[in-house]
């Protein structure tokens, strides 16, 4: 979690709520996209969306 927060801060983002996506790249680095940077989201086409746990399971 520390590395993730560090990656967010390094992009100048002060609130996790302002992050649209964090991608673990094939080289081990995190790519962080803020809400203002996402645009159409076309750069995320090859990224799998996380599977979210369902409440009660």
N, C-alpha and C. Protein backbone atom coordinates (compact mmCIF):
# COMPACT_ATOMS: atom_id res chain seq x y z
N UNK A 1 0.83 -1.19 0.00
CA UNK A 1 0.00 0.00 0.00
C UNK A 1 0.87 1.26 0.00
N UNK A 2 2.00 1.21 0.68
CA UNK A 2 2.88 2.36 0.74
C UNK A 2 3.37 2.76 -0.64
N UNK A 3 3.75 1.78 -1.46
CA UNK A 3 4.24 2.07 -2.81
C UNK A 3 3.15 2.68 -3.67
N UNK A 4 1.95 2.21 -3.47
CA UNK A 4 0.81 2.74 -4.22
C UNK A 4 0.55 4.20 -3.86
N UNK A 5 0.53 4.51 -2.58
CA UNK A 5 0.31 5.89 -2.16
C UNK A 5 1.46 6.79 -2.61
N UNK A 6 2.66 6.27 -2.60
CA UNK A 6 3.82 7.03 -3.07
C UNK A 6 3.67 7.37 -4.55
N UNK A 7 3.20 6.40 -5.34
CA UNK A 7 2.99 6.63 -6.77
C UNK A 7 1.93 7.71 -7.00
N UNK A 8 0.89 7.69 -6.19
CA UNK A 8 -0.17 8.70 -6.30
C UNK A 8 0.38 10.08 -5.97
N UNK A 9 1.12 10.17 -4.88
CA UNK A 9 1.69 11.46 -4.48
C UNK A 9 2.69 11.97 -5.52
N UNK A 10 3.46 11.06 -6.11
CA UNK A 10 4.47 11.49 -7.10
C UNK A 10 3.84 12.12 -8.33
N UNK A 11 2.57 11.86 -8.56
CA UNK A 11 1.83 12.48 -9.67
C UNK A 11 1.18 13.79 -9.25
N UNK A 12 1.42 14.20 -8.00
CA UNK A 12 0.87 15.46 -7.52
C UNK A 12 -0.59 15.38 -7.12
N UNK A 13 -1.07 14.18 -6.88
CA UNK A 13 -2.46 13.98 -6.49
C UNK A 13 -2.51 13.87 -4.97
N UNK A 14 -3.33 14.70 -4.35
CA UNK A 14 -3.38 14.74 -2.89
C UNK A 14 -4.46 13.88 -2.27
N UNK A 15 -5.43 13.45 -3.05
CA UNK A 15 -6.54 12.67 -2.51
C UNK A 15 -6.76 11.42 -3.35
N UNK A 16 -6.84 10.29 -2.69
CA UNK A 16 -7.07 9.01 -3.38
C UNK A 16 -8.38 9.07 -4.18
N UNK A 17 -9.33 9.83 -3.69
CA UNK A 17 -10.63 9.94 -4.36
C UNK A 17 -10.51 10.57 -5.74
N UNK A 18 -9.41 11.27 -5.99
CA UNK A 18 -9.20 11.91 -7.29
C UNK A 18 -8.55 10.98 -8.32
N UNK A 19 -8.29 9.74 -7.93
CA UNK A 19 -7.65 8.77 -8.81
C UNK A 19 -8.71 7.94 -9.53
N UNK A 20 -8.61 7.90 -10.85
CA UNK A 20 -9.53 7.08 -11.64
C UNK A 20 -9.00 5.66 -11.77
N UNK A 21 -7.70 5.53 -12.01
CA UNK A 21 -7.11 4.21 -12.23
C UNK A 21 -5.65 4.19 -11.81
N UNK A 22 -5.25 3.03 -11.30
CA UNK A 22 -3.84 2.74 -11.04
C UNK A 22 -3.57 1.41 -11.72
N UNK A 23 -2.55 1.40 -12.57
CA UNK A 23 -2.23 0.21 -13.35
C UNK A 23 -0.83 -0.26 -12.96
N UNK A 24 -0.70 -1.54 -12.61
CA UNK A 24 0.61 -2.13 -12.40
C UNK A 24 1.13 -2.55 -13.77
N UNK A 25 2.13 -1.84 -14.24
CA UNK A 25 2.67 -2.08 -15.58
C UNK A 25 3.56 -3.32 -15.60
N UNK A 26 3.86 -3.82 -16.78
CA UNK A 26 4.65 -5.04 -16.92
C UNK A 26 6.07 -4.89 -16.41
N UNK A 27 6.56 -3.66 -16.28
CA UNK A 27 7.90 -3.44 -15.74
C UNK A 27 7.90 -3.25 -14.23
N UNK A 28 6.73 -3.39 -13.60
CA UNK A 28 6.62 -3.31 -12.15
C UNK A 28 6.29 -1.92 -11.62
N UNK A 29 6.24 -0.92 -12.49
CA UNK A 29 5.90 0.43 -12.06
C UNK A 29 4.39 0.62 -12.06
N UNK A 30 3.95 1.61 -11.27
CA UNK A 30 2.54 1.98 -11.25
C UNK A 30 2.32 3.16 -12.19
N UNK A 31 1.27 3.11 -12.99
CA UNK A 31 0.78 4.26 -13.74
C UNK A 31 -0.46 4.75 -13.02
N UNK A 32 -0.51 6.04 -12.76
CA UNK A 32 -1.62 6.63 -12.02
C UNK A 32 -2.33 7.64 -12.92
N UNK A 33 -3.63 7.51 -13.04
CA UNK A 33 -4.43 8.45 -13.83
C UNK A 33 -5.44 9.12 -12.92
N UNK A 34 -5.42 10.45 -12.94
CA UNK A 34 -6.40 11.20 -12.16
C UNK A 34 -7.67 11.38 -12.98
N UNK A 35 -8.70 11.84 -12.32
CA UNK A 35 -9.98 12.07 -13.02
C UNK A 35 -9.81 13.05 -14.17
N UNK A 36 -8.97 14.07 -13.97
CA UNK A 36 -8.80 15.08 -15.02
C UNK A 36 -7.96 14.57 -16.18
N UNK A 37 -7.20 13.49 -15.99
CA UNK A 37 -6.34 12.96 -17.05
C UNK A 37 -6.97 11.82 -17.84
N UNK A 38 -8.05 11.26 -17.36
CA UNK A 38 -8.60 10.05 -17.96
C UNK A 38 -9.15 10.25 -19.36
N UNK A 39 -9.81 11.36 -19.60
CA UNK A 39 -10.38 11.60 -20.93
C UNK A 39 -11.32 10.49 -21.33
N UNK A 40 -11.13 9.96 -22.54
CA UNK A 40 -11.99 8.88 -23.03
C UNK A 40 -11.63 7.54 -22.42
N UNK A 41 -10.46 7.45 -21.80
CA UNK A 41 -10.03 6.18 -21.21
C UNK A 41 -9.45 5.22 -22.23
N UNK A 42 -9.16 5.70 -23.43
CA UNK A 42 -8.69 4.80 -24.48
C UNK A 42 -7.36 4.12 -24.14
N UNK A 43 -6.55 4.72 -23.29
CA UNK A 43 -5.28 4.08 -22.93
C UNK A 43 -5.48 2.93 -21.95
N UNK A 44 -6.69 2.77 -21.47
CA UNK A 44 -6.99 1.69 -20.52
C UNK A 44 -7.69 0.50 -21.18
N UNK A 45 -7.76 0.49 -22.51
CA UNK A 45 -8.49 -0.56 -23.21
C UNK A 45 -7.95 -1.96 -22.92
N UNK A 46 -6.64 -2.10 -22.74
CA UNK A 46 -6.07 -3.42 -22.53
C UNK A 46 -5.89 -3.77 -21.06
N UNK A 47 -6.48 -2.98 -20.18
CA UNK A 47 -6.36 -3.20 -18.74
C UNK A 47 -7.61 -3.91 -18.25
N UNK A 48 -7.39 -4.98 -17.52
CA UNK A 48 -8.52 -5.70 -16.94
C UNK A 48 -9.05 -4.94 -15.75
N UNK A 49 -10.35 -4.89 -15.64
CA UNK A 49 -10.97 -4.23 -14.49
C UNK A 49 -10.92 -5.20 -13.32
N UNK A 50 -10.76 -4.65 -12.10
CA UNK A 50 -10.68 -5.53 -10.93
C UNK A 50 -12.01 -6.21 -10.66
N UNK A 51 -11.91 -7.38 -10.12
CA UNK A 51 -13.11 -8.09 -9.68
C UNK A 51 -13.39 -7.63 -8.27
N UNK A 52 -14.54 -7.09 -8.07
CA UNK A 52 -14.90 -6.57 -6.74
C UNK A 52 -15.65 -7.62 -5.95
N UNK A 53 -15.30 -7.70 -4.69
CA UNK A 53 -15.98 -8.65 -3.82
C UNK A 53 -17.42 -8.21 -3.60
N UNK A 54 -18.31 -9.17 -3.56
CA UNK A 54 -19.71 -8.86 -3.31
C UNK A 54 -19.94 -8.89 -1.80
N UNK A 55 -20.72 -7.95 -1.28
CA UNK A 55 -20.99 -7.92 0.16
C UNK A 55 -21.56 -9.24 0.64
N UNK A 56 -21.09 -9.70 1.77
CA UNK A 56 -21.59 -10.94 2.35
C UNK A 56 -20.93 -12.19 1.83
N UNK A 57 -19.94 -12.05 0.94
CA UNK A 57 -19.27 -13.24 0.38
C UNK A 57 -17.81 -13.22 0.72
